[in-house]
């Protein structure tokens, strides 16, 4: 991927899925995780986190994969949403403590 300068794969992998159950599980995770971020920070912030986590996660994944390995799905984006939700929870707990 890096030798052929196919960097679009870092972005496109977020939207490819291997099976119906794969897309269903990812959609369910997004359905659960995204509303709190969108409500608190807006759709643009949510989009930046989703795409940024996806691209950076896919880049790290491709650096550690076998050269012939395949990486698809929105898992890296979902981990970014999980991280943002964890940040929201910790921020709330710390503000409540003081």
N, C-alpha and C. Protein backbone atom coordinates (compact mmCIF):
# COMPACT_ATOMS: atom_id res chain seq x y z
N UNK A 1 0.83 -1.19 0.00
CA UNK A 1 0.00 0.00 0.00
C UNK A 1 0.87 1.25 0.00
N UNK A 2 1.88 1.31 0.86
CA UNK A 2 2.71 2.51 0.94
C UNK A 2 3.62 2.65 -0.28
N UNK A 3 4.12 1.52 -0.80
CA UNK A 3 4.99 1.58 -1.98
C UNK A 3 4.23 2.08 -3.21
N UNK A 4 2.97 1.67 -3.32
CA UNK A 4 2.15 2.04 -4.48
C UNK A 4 1.41 3.36 -4.27
N UNK A 5 1.61 4.00 -3.12
CA UNK A 5 0.97 5.27 -2.80
C UNK A 5 -0.57 5.18 -2.87
N UNK A 6 -1.11 4.10 -2.35
CA UNK A 6 -2.56 3.88 -2.33
C UNK A 6 -3.12 4.31 -0.97
N UNK A 7 -2.92 5.57 -0.62
CA UNK A 7 -3.32 6.06 0.69
C UNK A 7 -4.83 6.16 0.86
N UNK A 8 -5.58 6.14 -0.24
CA UNK A 8 -7.04 6.17 -0.14
C UNK A 8 -7.56 4.96 0.63
N UNK A 9 -6.77 3.87 0.68
CA UNK A 9 -7.18 2.67 1.40
C UNK A 9 -7.32 2.92 2.89
N UNK A 10 -6.56 3.86 3.44
CA UNK A 10 -6.67 4.19 4.85
C UNK A 10 -8.05 4.76 5.16
N UNK A 11 -8.62 5.49 4.23
CA UNK A 11 -9.94 6.09 4.39
C UNK A 11 -11.04 5.10 4.03
N UNK A 12 -10.88 4.42 2.91
CA UNK A 12 -11.95 3.57 2.39
C UNK A 12 -12.20 2.32 3.23
N UNK A 13 -11.18 1.84 3.94
CA UNK A 13 -11.34 0.62 4.74
C UNK A 13 -12.42 0.77 5.81
N UNK A 14 -12.69 2.00 6.24
CA UNK A 14 -13.72 2.25 7.26
C UNK A 14 -15.11 1.90 6.76
N UNK A 15 -15.29 1.92 5.47
CA UNK A 15 -16.62 1.75 4.89
C UNK A 15 -16.82 0.40 4.21
N UNK A 16 -15.82 -0.47 4.30
CA UNK A 16 -15.91 -1.81 3.75
C UNK A 16 -16.14 -2.81 4.88
N UNK A 17 -17.00 -3.80 4.63
CA UNK A 17 -17.29 -4.80 5.64
C UNK A 17 -17.31 -6.18 5.00
N UNK A 18 -16.96 -7.18 5.79
CA UNK A 18 -16.83 -8.53 5.26
C UNK A 18 -18.12 -9.31 5.18
N UNK A 19 -19.08 -8.97 6.00
CA UNK A 19 -20.30 -9.76 6.07
C UNK A 19 -21.40 -8.91 6.68
N UNK A 20 -22.64 -9.35 6.54
CA UNK A 20 -23.76 -8.60 7.09
C UNK A 20 -23.63 -8.45 8.61
N UNK A 21 -23.21 -9.51 9.29
CA UNK A 21 -23.08 -9.43 10.75
C UNK A 21 -22.00 -8.43 11.15
N UNK A 22 -20.99 -8.27 10.32
CA UNK A 22 -19.91 -7.31 10.57
C UNK A 22 -20.46 -5.88 10.50
N UNK A 23 -21.19 -5.58 9.46
CA UNK A 23 -21.75 -4.23 9.33
C UNK A 23 -22.84 -3.98 10.36
N UNK A 24 -23.58 -5.02 10.72
CA UNK A 24 -24.61 -4.88 11.75
C UNK A 24 -23.98 -4.54 13.10
N UNK A 25 -22.94 -5.28 13.47
CA UNK A 25 -22.27 -5.02 14.75
C UNK A 25 -21.65 -3.65 14.81
N UNK A 26 -21.00 -3.23 13.73
CA UNK A 26 -20.41 -1.90 13.70
C UNK A 26 -21.48 -0.81 13.74
N UNK A 27 -22.57 -1.02 13.02
CA UNK A 27 -23.66 -0.04 13.03
C UNK A 27 -24.28 0.07 14.42
N UNK A 28 -24.43 -1.05 15.09
CA UNK A 28 -24.97 -1.03 16.45
C UNK A 28 -24.04 -0.27 17.40
N UNK A 29 -22.75 -0.51 17.28
CA UNK A 29 -21.79 0.21 18.12
C UNK A 29 -21.84 1.72 17.86
N UNK A 30 -21.92 2.11 16.61
CA UNK A 30 -22.01 3.53 16.27
C UNK A 30 -23.32 4.11 16.79
N UNK A 31 -24.39 3.36 16.67
CA UNK A 31 -25.71 3.80 17.16
C UNK A 31 -25.67 4.05 18.67
N UNK A 32 -24.90 3.27 19.40
CA UNK A 32 -24.80 3.42 20.85
C UNK A 32 -23.83 4.53 21.24
N UNK A 33 -22.69 4.62 20.55
CA UNK A 33 -21.62 5.53 20.97
C UNK A 33 -21.73 6.95 20.42
N UNK A 34 -22.27 7.11 19.23
CA UNK A 34 -22.24 8.41 18.56
C UNK A 34 -23.17 9.47 19.15
N UNK A 35 -24.39 9.14 19.60
CA UNK A 35 -25.30 10.21 20.04
C UNK A 35 -24.77 11.10 21.16
N UNK A 36 -24.06 10.52 22.12
CA UNK A 36 -23.56 11.35 23.22
C UNK A 36 -22.53 12.36 22.73
N UNK A 37 -21.71 11.96 21.77
CA UNK A 37 -20.70 12.88 21.23
C UNK A 37 -21.38 13.95 20.38
N UNK A 38 -22.31 13.53 19.53
CA UNK A 38 -22.99 14.50 18.68
C UNK A 38 -23.80 15.49 19.50
N UNK A 39 -24.46 15.00 20.53
CA UNK A 39 -25.28 15.89 21.36
C UNK A 39 -24.41 16.90 22.12
N UNK A 40 -23.28 16.44 22.63
CA UNK A 40 -22.43 17.31 23.44
C UNK A 40 -21.50 18.21 22.65
N UNK A 41 -21.06 17.74 21.48
CA UNK A 41 -20.02 18.47 20.75
C UNK A 41 -20.40 18.83 19.32
N UNK A 42 -21.45 18.24 18.79
CA UNK A 42 -21.89 18.57 17.44
C UNK A 42 -21.45 17.54 16.41
N UNK A 43 -22.11 17.60 15.26
CA UNK A 43 -21.87 16.60 14.22
C UNK A 43 -20.47 16.73 13.60
N UNK A 44 -19.95 17.95 13.53
CA UNK A 44 -18.63 18.14 12.94
C UNK A 44 -17.54 17.50 13.81
N UNK A 45 -17.64 17.69 15.10
CA UNK A 45 -16.69 17.09 16.03
C UNK A 45 -16.76 15.56 15.94
N UNK A 46 -17.97 15.04 15.89
CA UNK A 46 -18.17 13.59 15.75
C UNK A 46 -17.54 13.08 14.46
N UNK A 47 -17.74 13.78 13.37
CA UNK A 47 -17.20 13.37 12.08
C UNK A 47 -15.68 13.39 12.09
N UNK A 48 -15.10 14.44 12.68
CA UNK A 48 -13.64 14.54 12.75
C UNK A 48 -13.06 13.40 13.58
N UNK A 49 -13.67 13.10 14.71
CA UNK A 49 -13.18 12.00 15.54
C UNK A 49 -13.32 10.68 14.80
N UNK A 50 -14.48 10.45 14.19
CA UNK A 50 -14.74 9.19 13.49
C UNK A 50 -13.74 8.97 12.35
N UNK A 51 -13.59 9.94 11.49
CA UNK A 51 -12.69 9.80 10.35
C UNK A 51 -11.22 9.83 10.78
N UNK A 52 -10.89 10.70 11.72
CA UNK A 52 -9.50 10.78 12.19
C UNK A 52 -9.04 9.51 12.86
N UNK A 53 -9.90 8.95 13.72
CA UNK A 53 -9.55 7.68 14.39
C UNK A 53 -9.47 6.56 13.38
N UNK A 54 -10.35 6.58 12.40
CA UNK A 54 -10.33 5.53 11.38
C UNK A 54 -9.08 5.55 10.54
N UNK A 55 -8.71 6.72 10.06
CA UNK A 55 -7.52 6.82 9.21
C UNK A 55 -6.25 6.52 10.01
N UNK A 56 -6.12 7.11 11.19
CA UNK A 56 -4.91 6.86 11.98
C UNK A 56 -4.84 5.42 12.46
N UNK A 57 -5.97 4.84 12.85
CA UNK A 57 -5.99 3.44 13.26
C UNK A 57 -5.66 2.50 12.12
N UNK A 58 -6.18 2.79 10.94
CA UNK A 58 -5.87 1.97 9.77
C UNK A 58 -4.41 2.10 9.37
N UNK A 59 -3.84 3.28 9.53
CA UNK A 59 -2.41 3.47 9.22
C UNK A 59 -1.55 2.63 10.16
N UNK A 60 -1.87 2.67 11.45
CA UNK A 60 -1.11 1.85 12.40
C UNK A 60 -1.33 0.36 12.15
N UNK A 61 -2.53 -0.01 11.81
CA UNK A 61 -2.84 -1.40 11.51
C UNK A 61 -2.04 -1.87 10.30
N UNK A 62 -1.98 -1.05 9.27
CA UNK A 62 -1.24 -1.43 8.07
C UNK A 62 0.27 -1.50 8.30
N UNK A 63 0.77 -0.71 9.23
CA UNK A 63 2.19 -0.76 9.54
C UNK A 63 2.56 -2.06 10.27
N UNK A 64 1.61 -2.62 11.01
CA UNK A 64 1.89 -3.83 11.78
C UNK A 64 1.43 -5.11 11.10
N UNK A 65 0.62 -5.00 10.05
CA UNK A 65 0.12 -6.18 9.34
C UNK A 65 1.18 -6.78 8.43
N UNK A 66 0.97 -8.02 8.11
CA UNK A 66 1.76 -8.67 7.06
C UNK A 66 1.52 -7.90 5.76
N UNK A 67 2.50 -7.76 4.89
CA UNK A 67 2.31 -6.99 3.65
C UNK A 67 1.11 -7.43 2.81
N UNK A 68 0.73 -8.70 2.90
CA UNK A 68 -0.43 -9.18 2.14
C UNK A 68 -1.70 -9.17 2.96
N UNK A 69 -1.67 -8.63 4.17
CA UNK A 69 -2.82 -8.63 5.07
C UNK A 69 -3.92 -7.69 4.58
N UNK A 70 -5.13 -7.97 5.05
CA UNK A 70 -6.30 -7.18 4.68
C UNK A 70 -6.91 -6.61 5.95
N UNK A 71 -7.31 -5.36 5.89
CA UNK A 71 -7.95 -4.70 7.02
C UNK A 71 -9.19 -3.97 6.51
N UNK A 72 -10.35 -4.38 7.01
CA UNK A 72 -11.60 -3.73 6.62
C UNK A 72 -12.44 -3.48 7.86
N UNK A 73 -13.40 -2.60 7.74
CA UNK A 73 -14.35 -2.35 8.80
C UNK A 73 -14.11 -1.05 9.53
N UNK A 74 -15.08 -0.71 10.36
CA UNK A 74 -15.06 0.56 11.08
C UNK A 74 -14.54 0.41 12.50
N UNK A 75 -13.86 -0.68 12.79
CA UNK A 75 -13.41 -0.92 14.17
C UNK A 75 -12.50 0.18 14.68
N UNK A 76 -11.60 0.67 13.86
CA UNK A 76 -10.70 1.73 14.32
C UNK A 76 -11.48 3.01 14.63
N UNK A 77 -12.48 3.31 13.83
CA UNK A 77 -13.32 4.48 14.09
C UNK A 77 -14.12 4.28 15.36
N UNK A 78 -14.62 3.08 15.59
CA UNK A 78 -15.40 2.78 16.78
C UNK A 78 -14.54 2.90 18.03
N UNK A 79 -13.28 2.46 17.95
CA UNK A 79 -12.39 2.64 19.09
C UNK A 79 -12.16 4.12 19.38
N UNK A 80 -12.13 4.95 18.36
CA UNK A 80 -12.03 6.39 18.57
C UNK A 80 -13.26 6.94 19.28
N UNK A 81 -14.44 6.46 18.91
CA UNK A 81 -15.67 6.89 19.58
C UNK A 81 -15.69 6.41 21.03
N UNK A 82 -15.18 5.19 21.26
CA UNK A 82 -15.09 4.68 22.64
C UNK A 82 -14.16 5.57 23.47
N UNK A 83 -13.04 5.95 22.89
CA UNK A 83 -12.10 6.81 23.59
C UNK A 83 -12.71 8.16 23.93
N UNK A 84 -13.45 8.73 23.01
CA UNK A 84 -14.09 10.03 23.27
C UNK A 84 -15.15 9.89 24.35
N UNK A 85 -15.92 8.80 24.33
CA UNK A 85 -16.92 8.58 25.37
C UNK A 85 -16.26 8.37 26.73
N UNK A 86 -15.14 7.68 26.76
CA UNK A 86 -14.40 7.52 28.02
C UNK A 86 -13.93 8.89 28.52
N UNK A 87 -13.45 9.73 27.62
CA UNK A 87 -13.04 11.08 27.98
C UNK A 87 -14.22 11.86 28.57
N UNK A 88 -15.39 11.76 27.96
CA UNK A 88 -16.59 12.46 28.46
C UNK A 88 -16.94 11.98 29.87
N UNK A 89 -16.89 10.67 30.07
CA UNK A 89 -17.23 10.10 31.39
C UNK A 89 -16.22 10.56 32.44
N UNK A 90 -14.94 10.48 32.13
CA UNK A 90 -13.92 10.90 33.09
C UNK A 90 -14.00 12.39 33.38
N UNK A 91 -14.27 13.18 32.35
CA UNK A 91 -14.42 14.63 32.54
C UNK A 91 -15.60 14.92 33.46
N UNK A 92 -16.70 14.22 33.27
CA UNK A 92 -17.87 14.41 34.12
C UNK A 92 -17.56 14.02 35.56
N UNK A 93 -16.90 12.88 35.75
CA UNK A 93 -16.57 12.43 37.11
C UNK A 93 -15.61 13.38 37.80
N UNK A 94 -14.63 13.89 37.07
CA UNK A 94 -13.68 14.82 37.69
C UNK A 94 -14.32 16.15 38.02
N UNK A 95 -15.19 16.64 37.16
CA UNK A 95 -15.88 17.91 37.45
C UNK A 95 -16.85 17.75 38.60
N UNK A 96 -17.46 16.57 38.70
CA UNK A 96 -18.40 16.31 39.80
C UNK A 96 -17.65 16.18 41.12
N UNK A 97 -16.42 15.67 41.08
CA UNK A 97 -15.65 15.46 42.30
C UNK A 97 -15.19 16.79 42.90
N UNK A 98 -15.01 17.80 42.08
CA UNK A 98 -14.52 19.08 42.58
C UNK A 98 -15.62 20.07 42.57
